[in-house]
Amino acid sequence: MKILTKYQAFDGCLFDSEKQCVERDNLVGSLARIARNLAAVPDGCDFANGSGYIQQSQAAVERYKLALLTLIEVEIKHEWIEETRKGRAHVSYVARLLDDAGPDCLSVAWNRLMRIDQYNREWGQPFYAINPDKGTQKQLN
């Protein structure tokens, strides 16, 4: 028999070392602080199914995006990050990087940008940001 020691981060992820766990907790804490830039989304599946949108301000969306890009650069080095920062690459480029190599919590946080349309309306899923006419034209906040 062998005794194993695991460390559980606040978000439930398990790690073999205390250092990895502390790093995850710090990252999740940073993401929570960054998320305060945006208006909260409602709970429940109605929002995800297009029942309306949350109006975000352009300034808040930019602050959120730039803060996330700063965190992402620590994990991933790629030219698309800087291109996205400068507005020369679509946010989906960074999403691809995160899906391939980033921690899932960064991917989830970045997904909020994928759900925001050209009018800074945050929908429940990226489909409605691309096809806003398919969602209910109702501001939820």
C-alpha atoms as a PDB file:
ATOM      1  CA  MET A   1       0.000   0.000   0.000  1.00  0.00           C
ATOM      2  CA  LYS A   2       1.128   3.525  -0.758  1.00  0.00           C
ATOM      3  CA  ILE A   3      -0.180   6.689   0.878  1.00  0.00           C
ATOM      4  CA  LEU A   4      -0.781   9.545  -1.553  1.00  0.00           C
ATOM      5  CA  THR A   5      -1.045  13.208  -0.711  1.00  0.00           C
ATOM      6  CA  LYS A   6      -3.156  15.484  -2.885  1.00  0.00           C
ATOM      7  CA  TYR A   7      -3.892  19.187  -2.614  1.00  0.00           C
ATOM      8  CA  GLN A   8      -7.287  20.554  -3.570  1.00  0.00           C
ATOM      9  CA  ALA A   9      -7.627  24.111  -4.853  1.00  0.00           C
ATOM     10  CA  PHE A  10     -10.625  26.268  -3.987  1.00  0.00           C
ATOM     11  CA  ASP A  11     -12.214  25.439  -7.361  1.00  0.00           C
ATOM     12  CA  GLY A  12     -11.947  21.689  -6.713  1.00  0.00           C
ATOM     13  CA  CYS A  13      -8.917  20.904  -8.910  1.00  0.00           C
ATOM     14  CA  LEU A  14      -6.474  18.395  -7.454  1.00  0.00           C
ATOM     15  CA  PHE A  15      -2.699  18.719  -7.523  1.00  0.00           C
ATOM     16  CA  ASP A  16       0.277  16.610  -6.498  1.00  0.00           C
ATOM     17  CA  SER A  17       2.170  19.551  -5.008  1.00  0.00           C
ATOM     18  CA  GLU A  18       1.242  22.345  -2.642  1.00  0.00           C
ATOM     19  CA  LYS A  19       3.021  24.825  -4.946  1.00  0.00           C
ATOM     20  CA  GLN A  20       0.816  23.900  -7.930  1.00  0.00           C
ATOM     21  CA  CYS A  21      -2.284  24.185  -5.774  1.00  0.00           C
ATOM     22  CA  VAL A  22      -1.316  27.610  -4.435  1.00  0.00           C
ATOM     23  CA  GLU A  23      -0.617  28.788  -7.999  1.00  0.00           C
ATOM     24  CA  ARG A  24      -4.086  27.620  -9.078  1.00  0.00           C
ATOM     25  CA  ASP A  25      -5.735  29.343  -6.099  1.00  0.00           C
ATOM     26  CA  ASN A  26      -3.871  32.555  -6.942  1.00  0.00           C
ATOM     27  CA  LEU A  27      -4.950  32.315 -10.589  1.00  0.00           C
ATOM     28  CA  VAL A  28      -8.596  31.671  -9.669  1.00  0.00           C
ATOM     29  CA  GLY A  29      -8.473  34.598  -7.239  1.00  0.00           C
ATOM     30  CA  SER A  30      -7.070  36.862  -9.951  1.00  0.00           C
ATOM     31  CA  LEU A  31      -9.816  35.749 -12.335  1.00  0.00           C
ATOM     32  CA  ALA A  32     -12.473  36.550  -9.739  1.00  0.00           C
ATOM     33  CA  ARG A  33     -11.065  40.064  -9.324  1.00  0.00           C
ATOM     34  CA  ILE A  34     -10.934  40.570 -13.097  1.00  0.00           C
ATOM     35  CA  ALA A  35     -14.522  39.331 -13.471  1.00  0.00           C
ATOM     36  CA  ARG A  36     -15.679  42.249 -11.310  1.00  0.00           C
ATOM     37  CA  ASN A  37     -15.073  44.447 -14.369  1.00  0.00           C
ATOM     38  CA  LEU A  38     -18.171  42.995 -16.018  1.00  0.00           C
ATOM     39  CA  ALA A  39     -21.783  42.947 -14.915  1.00  0.00           C
ATOM     40  CA  ALA A  40     -22.754  39.573 -13.493  1.00  0.00           C
ATOM     41  CA  VAL A  41     -24.636  37.079 -15.618  1.00  0.00           C
ATOM     42  CA  PRO A  42     -27.860  35.496 -14.386  1.00  0.00           C
ATOM     43  CA  ASP A  43     -27.965  31.919 -13.167  1.00  0.00           C
ATOM     44  CA  GLY A  44     -29.972  29.290 -14.980  1.00  0.00           C
ATOM     45  CA  CYS A  45     -30.234  27.912 -18.463  1.00  0.00           C
ATOM     46  CA  ASP A  46     -32.638  30.567 -19.810  1.00  0.00           C
ATOM     47  CA  PHE A  47     -29.731  32.983 -20.279  1.00  0.00           C
ATOM     48  CA  ALA A  48     -27.646  30.316 -22.025  1.00  0.00           C
ATOM     49  CA  ASN A  49     -30.608  29.627 -24.317  1.00  0.00           C
ATOM     50  CA  GLY A  50     -30.904  33.185 -25.616  1.00  0.00           C
ATOM     51  CA  SER A  51     -33.497  34.711 -23.275  1.00  0.00           C
ATOM     52  CA  GLY A  52     -31.754  38.076 -23.497  1.00  0.00           C
ATOM     53  CA  TYR A  53     -28.433  39.780 -22.988  1.00  0.00           C
ATOM     54  CA  ILE A  54     -26.408  41.667 -20.392  1.00  0.00           C
ATOM     55  CA  GLN A  55     -25.313  45.093 -21.566  1.00  0.00           C
ATOM     56  CA  GLN A  56     -21.626  45.613 -20.832  1.00  0.00           C
ATOM     57  CA  SER A  57     -19.761  48.876 -21.329  1.00  0.00           C
ATOM     58  CA  GLN A  58     -16.982  49.094 -23.910  1.00  0.00           C
ATOM     59  CA  ALA A  59     -14.566  50.268 -21.214  1.00  0.00           C
ATOM     60  CA  ALA A  60     -15.393  47.307 -18.953  1.00  0.00           C
ATOM     61  CA  VAL A  61     -14.983  44.819 -21.792  1.00  0.00           C
ATOM     62  CA  GLU A  62     -11.588  46.311 -22.698  1.00  0.00           C
ATOM     63  CA  ARG A  63     -10.390  46.259 -19.071  1.00  0.00           C
ATOM     64  CA  TYR A  64     -11.519  42.640 -18.761  1.00  0.00           C
ATOM     65  CA  LYS A  65      -9.844  41.604 -22.009  1.00  0.00           C
ATOM     66  CA  LEU A  66      -6.532  43.331 -21.260  1.00  0.00           C
ATOM     67  CA  ALA A  67      -6.368  41.972 -17.719  1.00  0.00           C
ATOM     68  CA  LEU A  68      -7.028  38.437 -18.976  1.00  0.00           C
ATOM     69  CA  LEU A  69      -4.415  38.764 -21.703  1.00  0.00           C
ATOM     70  CA  THR A  70      -1.856  39.718 -19.057  1.00  0.00           C
ATOM     71  CA  LEU A  71      -2.634  36.524 -17.123  1.00  0.00           C
ATOM     72  CA  ILE A  72      -2.691  34.396 -20.263  1.00  0.00           C
ATOM     73  CA  GLU A  73       0.764  35.617 -21.284  1.00  0.00           C
ATOM     74  CA  VAL A  74       2.167  34.067 -18.114  1.00  0.00           C
ATOM     75  CA  GLU A  75       0.900  30.643 -19.219  1.00  0.00           C
ATOM     76  CA  ILE A  76       1.246  30.851 -23.008  1.00  0.00           C
ATOM     77  CA  LYS A  77       3.726  32.692 -25.221  1.00  0.00           C
ATOM     78  CA  HIS A  78       2.281  33.317 -28.681  1.00  0.00           C
ATOM     79  CA  GLU A  79       2.071  36.217 -31.134  1.00  0.00           C
ATOM     80  CA  TRP A  80      -1.735  35.982 -31.214  1.00  0.00           C
ATOM     81  CA  ILE A  81      -1.899  37.320 -27.674  1.00  0.00           C
ATOM     82  CA  GLU A  82      -0.243  40.598 -28.637  1.00  0.00           C
ATOM     83  CA  GLU A  83      -2.207  40.738 -31.893  1.00  0.00           C
ATOM     84  CA  THR A  84      -5.430  40.383 -29.900  1.00  0.00           C
ATOM     85  CA  ARG A  85      -4.304  43.067 -27.441  1.00  0.00           C
ATOM     86  CA  LYS A  86      -3.775  45.450 -30.379  1.00  0.00           C
ATOM     87  CA  GLY A  87      -7.143  44.542 -31.913  1.00  0.00           C
ATOM     88  CA  ARG A  88      -5.607  42.876 -34.955  1.00  0.00           C
ATOM     89  CA  ALA A  89      -6.768  39.337 -34.143  1.00  0.00           C
ATOM     90  CA  HIS A  90     -10.224  38.054 -33.287  1.00  0.00           C
ATOM     91  CA  VAL A  91     -10.740  36.862 -29.703  1.00  0.00           C
ATOM     92  CA  SER A  92     -11.250  33.342 -31.058  1.00  0.00           C
ATOM     93  CA  TYR A  93      -7.497  33.103 -31.749  1.00  0.00           C
ATOM     94  CA  VAL A  94      -6.697  33.255 -28.037  1.00  0.00           C
ATOM     95  CA  ALA A  95      -9.574  30.860 -27.354  1.00  0.00           C
ATOM     96  CA  ARG A  96      -7.853  28.329 -29.618  1.00  0.00           C
ATOM     97  CA  LEU A  97      -4.584  28.747 -27.712  1.00  0.00           C
ATOM     98  CA  LEU A  98      -6.332  28.267 -24.380  1.00  0.00           C
ATOM     99  CA  ASP A  99      -8.202  25.190 -25.596  1.00  0.00           C
ATOM    100  CA  ASP A 100      -4.884  23.652 -26.650  1.00  0.00           C
ATOM    101  CA  ALA A 101      -2.571  24.698 -23.829  1.00  0.00           C
ATOM    102  CA  GLY A 102      -4.174  26.831 -21.169  1.00  0.00           C
ATOM    103  CA  PRO A 103      -5.660  26.087 -17.779  1.00  0.00           C
ATOM    104  CA  ASP A 104      -9.404  25.468 -18.069  1.00  0.00           C
ATOM    105  CA  CYS A 105     -10.228  28.334 -15.700  1.00  0.00           C
ATOM    106  CA  LEU A 106      -8.587  30.802 -18.129  1.00  0.00           C
ATOM    107  CA  SER A 107     -10.517  29.275 -21.002  1.00  0.00           C
ATOM    108  CA  VAL A 108     -13.808  29.671 -19.126  1.00  0.00           C
ATOM    109  CA  ALA A 109     -12.993  33.296 -18.295  1.00  0.00           C
ATOM    110  CA  TRP A 110     -11.995  34.040 -21.895  1.00  0.00           C
ATOM    111  CA  ASN A 111     -15.230  32.473 -23.132  1.00  0.00           C
ATOM    112  CA  ARG A 112     -17.110  35.480 -21.766  1.00  0.00           C
ATOM    113  CA  LEU A 113     -15.437  37.597 -24.458  1.00  0.00           C
ATOM    114  CA  MET A 114     -16.605  35.124 -27.069  1.00  0.00           C
ATOM    115  CA  ARG A 115     -20.171  35.758 -25.882  1.00  0.00           C
ATOM    116  CA  ILE A 116     -20.015  39.547 -26.348  1.00  0.00           C
ATOM    117  CA  ASP A 117     -21.268  40.973 -29.641  1.00  0.00           C
ATOM    118  CA  GLN A 118     -20.208  44.143 -31.468  1.00  0.00           C
ATOM    119  CA  TYR A 119     -22.591  46.217 -29.310  1.00  0.00           C
ATOM    120  CA  ASN A 120     -21.070  44.935 -26.044  1.00  0.00           C
ATOM    121  CA  ARG A 121     -24.090  42.776 -25.332  1.00  0.00           C
ATOM    122  CA  GLU A 122     -23.128  39.603 -23.499  1.00  0.00           C
ATOM    123  CA  TRP A 123     -25.200  36.609 -24.495  1.00  0.00           C
ATOM    124  CA  GLY A 124     -25.414  33.221 -22.825  1.00  0.00           C
ATOM    125  CA  GLN A 125     -23.255  31.519 -25.444  1.00  0.00           C
ATOM    126  CA  PRO A 126     -21.066  32.514 -28.414  1.00  0.00           C
ATOM    127  CA  PHE A 127     -23.750  31.456 -30.921  1.00  0.00           C
ATOM    128  CA  TYR A 128     -25.890  34.451 -29.949  1.00  0.00           C
ATOM    129  CA  ALA A 129     -22.960  36.872 -30.112  1.00  0.00           C
ATOM    130  CA  ILE A 130     -22.446  35.773 -33.715  1.00  0.00           C
ATOM    131  CA  ASN A 131     -26.226  35.557 -34.416  1.00  0.00           C
ATOM    132  CA  PRO A 132     -27.814  38.153 -32.100  1.00  0.00           C
ATOM    133  CA  ASP A 133     -31.031  38.132 -34.118  1.00  0.00           C
ATOM    134  CA  LYS A 134     -31.617  34.565 -32.910  1.00  0.00           C
ATOM    135  CA  GLY A 135     -31.745  35.644 -29.249  1.00  0.00           C
ATOM    136  CA  THR A 136     -34.500  37.526 -27.449  1.00  0.00           C
ATOM    137  CA  GLN A 137     -33.879  41.254 -27.869  1.00  0.00           C
ATOM    138  CA  LYS A 138     -34.227  41.974 -24.168  1.00  0.00           C
ATOM    139  CA  GLN A 139     -31.717  43.589 -21.820  1.00  0.00           C
ATOM    140  CA  LEU A 140     -31.578  41.540 -18.610  1.00  0.00           C
ATOM    141  CA  ASN A 141     -29.690  43.964 -16.364  1.00  0.00           C
END
